[in-house]
């Protein structure tokens, strides 16, 4: 039950960040959620006397582009034109 609560929390957090899960897979004690930019894996490590322990791994899909796909353009897409030339 706590496993599903953890999954629900993760899905709510993902939705709040405007991510769309493209697949959700559960195999044993592991849930893998794949989105357009990240893959999240939640694994239950232990469960005893009503207490559970989980680990979460988040991996970025593709390369990191801090300036976006177009790259860094401080003067706009047309470049620098002094005096309008």
C-alpha atoms as a PDB file:
ATOM      1  CA  UNK A   1       0.000   0.000   0.000  1.00  0.00           C
ATOM      2  CA  UNK A   2       2.779   2.454   0.869  1.00  0.00           C
ATOM      3  CA  UNK A   3       4.414   1.575  -2.443  1.00  0.00           C
ATOM      4  CA  UNK A   4       1.335   2.831  -4.270  1.00  0.00           C
ATOM      5  CA  UNK A   5       1.232   5.989  -2.108  1.00  0.00           C
ATOM      6  CA  UNK A   6       4.834   6.684  -3.075  1.00  0.00           C
ATOM      7  CA  UNK A   7       3.950   6.146  -6.727  1.00  0.00           C
ATOM      8  CA  UNK A   8       0.967   8.492  -6.416  1.00  0.00           C
ATOM      9  CA  UNK A   9       3.138  11.200  -4.845  1.00  0.00           C
ATOM     10  CA  UNK A  10       5.720  10.839  -7.597  1.00  0.00           C
ATOM     11  CA  UNK A  11       3.082  11.009 -10.335  1.00  0.00           C
ATOM     12  CA  UNK A  12       1.530  14.112  -8.755  1.00  0.00           C
ATOM     13  CA  UNK A  13       4.934  15.775  -8.554  1.00  0.00           C
ATOM     14  CA  UNK A  14       5.655  14.831 -12.144  1.00  0.00           C
ATOM     15  CA  UNK A  15       2.325  16.251 -13.310  1.00  0.00           C
ATOM     16  CA  UNK A  16       3.002  19.483 -11.430  1.00  0.00           C
ATOM     17  CA  UNK A  17       6.198  19.865 -13.441  1.00  0.00           C
ATOM     18  CA  UNK A  18       4.284  19.436 -16.730  1.00  0.00           C
ATOM     19  CA  UNK A  19       5.837  16.085 -17.512  1.00  0.00           C
ATOM     20  CA  UNK A  20       3.818  13.386 -19.226  1.00  0.00           C
ATOM     21  CA  UNK A  21       4.614   9.809 -18.277  1.00  0.00           C
ATOM     22  CA  UNK A  22       4.975   7.822 -21.483  1.00  0.00           C
ATOM     23  CA  UNK A  23       5.203   4.493 -19.645  1.00  0.00           C
ATOM     24  CA  UNK A  24       4.828   3.143 -16.123  1.00  0.00           C
ATOM     25  CA  UNK A  25       6.100  -0.380 -15.418  1.00  0.00           C
ATOM     26  CA  UNK A  26       6.041  -2.379 -12.193  1.00  0.00           C
ATOM     27  CA  UNK A  27       8.218  -5.429 -11.754  1.00  0.00           C
ATOM     28  CA  UNK A  28       8.351  -6.858  -8.245  1.00  0.00           C
ATOM     29  CA  UNK A  29       9.421  -4.129  -5.837  1.00  0.00           C
ATOM     30  CA  UNK A  30      10.456  -1.680  -8.588  1.00  0.00           C
ATOM     31  CA  UNK A  31       8.409   0.920 -10.451  1.00  0.00           C
ATOM     32  CA  UNK A  32       9.910   2.617 -13.511  1.00  0.00           C
ATOM     33  CA  UNK A  33       8.300   5.783 -14.868  1.00  0.00           C
ATOM     34  CA  UNK A  34       9.520   7.042 -18.230  1.00  0.00           C
ATOM     35  CA  UNK A  35       8.759  10.562 -19.428  1.00  0.00           C
ATOM     36  CA  UNK A  36       9.905  12.678 -22.360  1.00  0.00           C
ATOM     37  CA  UNK A  37      12.985  14.015 -20.536  1.00  0.00           C
ATOM     38  CA  UNK A  38      13.541  11.748 -17.510  1.00  0.00           C
ATOM     39  CA  UNK A  39      13.306   8.174 -16.294  1.00  0.00           C
ATOM     40  CA  UNK A  40      12.489   7.634 -12.619  1.00  0.00           C
ATOM     41  CA  UNK A  41      12.988   4.329 -10.802  1.00  0.00           C
ATOM     42  CA  UNK A  42      11.549   3.702  -7.331  1.00  0.00           C
ATOM     43  CA  UNK A  43      12.685   0.549  -5.524  1.00  0.00           C
ATOM     44  CA  UNK A  44      11.407  -0.752  -2.199  1.00  0.00           C
ATOM     45  CA  UNK A  45      14.481  -1.734  -0.195  1.00  0.00           C
ATOM     46  CA  UNK A  46      12.822  -3.156   2.899  1.00  0.00           C
ATOM     47  CA  UNK A  47       9.481  -3.594   4.620  1.00  0.00           C
ATOM     48  CA  UNK A  48       8.961  -4.612   8.226  1.00  0.00           C
ATOM     49  CA  UNK A  49       6.365  -3.888  10.908  1.00  0.00           C
ATOM     50  CA  UNK A  50       4.448  -1.371   8.821  1.00  0.00           C
ATOM     51  CA  UNK A  51       7.536   0.632   7.828  1.00  0.00           C
ATOM     52  CA  UNK A  52       9.066   0.704   4.361  1.00  0.00           C
ATOM     53  CA  UNK A  53      12.298   2.045   2.912  1.00  0.00           C
ATOM     54  CA  UNK A  54      12.607   3.205  -0.705  1.00  0.00           C
ATOM     55  CA  UNK A  55      15.278   4.522  -3.018  1.00  0.00           C
ATOM     56  CA  UNK A  56      14.571   6.801  -5.978  1.00  0.00           C
ATOM     57  CA  UNK A  57      16.819   7.238  -9.014  1.00  0.00           C
ATOM     58  CA  UNK A  58      16.167   9.950 -11.608  1.00  0.00           C
ATOM     59  CA  UNK A  59      18.012   9.836 -14.940  1.00  0.00           C
ATOM     60  CA  UNK A  60      17.918  12.486 -17.656  1.00  0.00           C
ATOM     61  CA  UNK A  61      17.108  11.255 -21.167  1.00  0.00           C
ATOM     62  CA  UNK A  62      19.268  12.886 -23.847  1.00  0.00           C
ATOM     63  CA  UNK A  63      21.912  15.534 -23.365  1.00  0.00           C
ATOM     64  CA  UNK A  64      21.815  18.505 -21.009  1.00  0.00           C
ATOM     65  CA  UNK A  65      21.258  21.803 -22.848  1.00  0.00           C
ATOM     66  CA  UNK A  66      21.199  24.691 -20.348  1.00  0.00           C
ATOM     67  CA  UNK A  67      20.668  27.356 -23.038  1.00  0.00           C
ATOM     68  CA  UNK A  68      17.995  25.395 -24.885  1.00  0.00           C
ATOM     69  CA  UNK A  69      18.104  23.745 -28.292  1.00  0.00           C
ATOM     70  CA  UNK A  70      19.104  26.928 -30.125  1.00  0.00           C
ATOM     71  CA  UNK A  71      22.151  27.608 -27.965  1.00  0.00           C
ATOM     72  CA  UNK A  72      23.118  30.857 -26.256  1.00  0.00           C
ATOM     73  CA  UNK A  73      22.284  34.017 -28.248  1.00  0.00           C
ATOM     74  CA  UNK A  74      22.784  37.125 -26.101  1.00  0.00           C
ATOM     75  CA  UNK A  75      21.914  39.572 -28.919  1.00  0.00           C
ATOM     76  CA  UNK A  76      18.923  37.661 -30.273  1.00  0.00           C
ATOM     77  CA  UNK A  77      18.658  35.464 -33.347  1.00  0.00           C
ATOM     78  CA  UNK A  78      19.903  38.171 -35.761  1.00  0.00           C
ATOM     79  CA  UNK A  79      23.181  38.848 -33.948  1.00  0.00           C
ATOM     80  CA  UNK A  80      24.635  42.295 -33.214  1.00  0.00           C
ATOM     81  CA  UNK A  81      23.834  45.086 -35.710  1.00  0.00           C
ATOM     82  CA  UNK A  82      25.359  48.433 -34.679  1.00  0.00           C
ATOM     83  CA  UNK A  83      23.305  51.472 -35.753  1.00  0.00           C
ATOM     84  CA  UNK A  84      20.810  49.197 -37.522  1.00  0.00           C
ATOM     85  CA  UNK A  85      23.231  47.993 -40.260  1.00  0.00           C
END
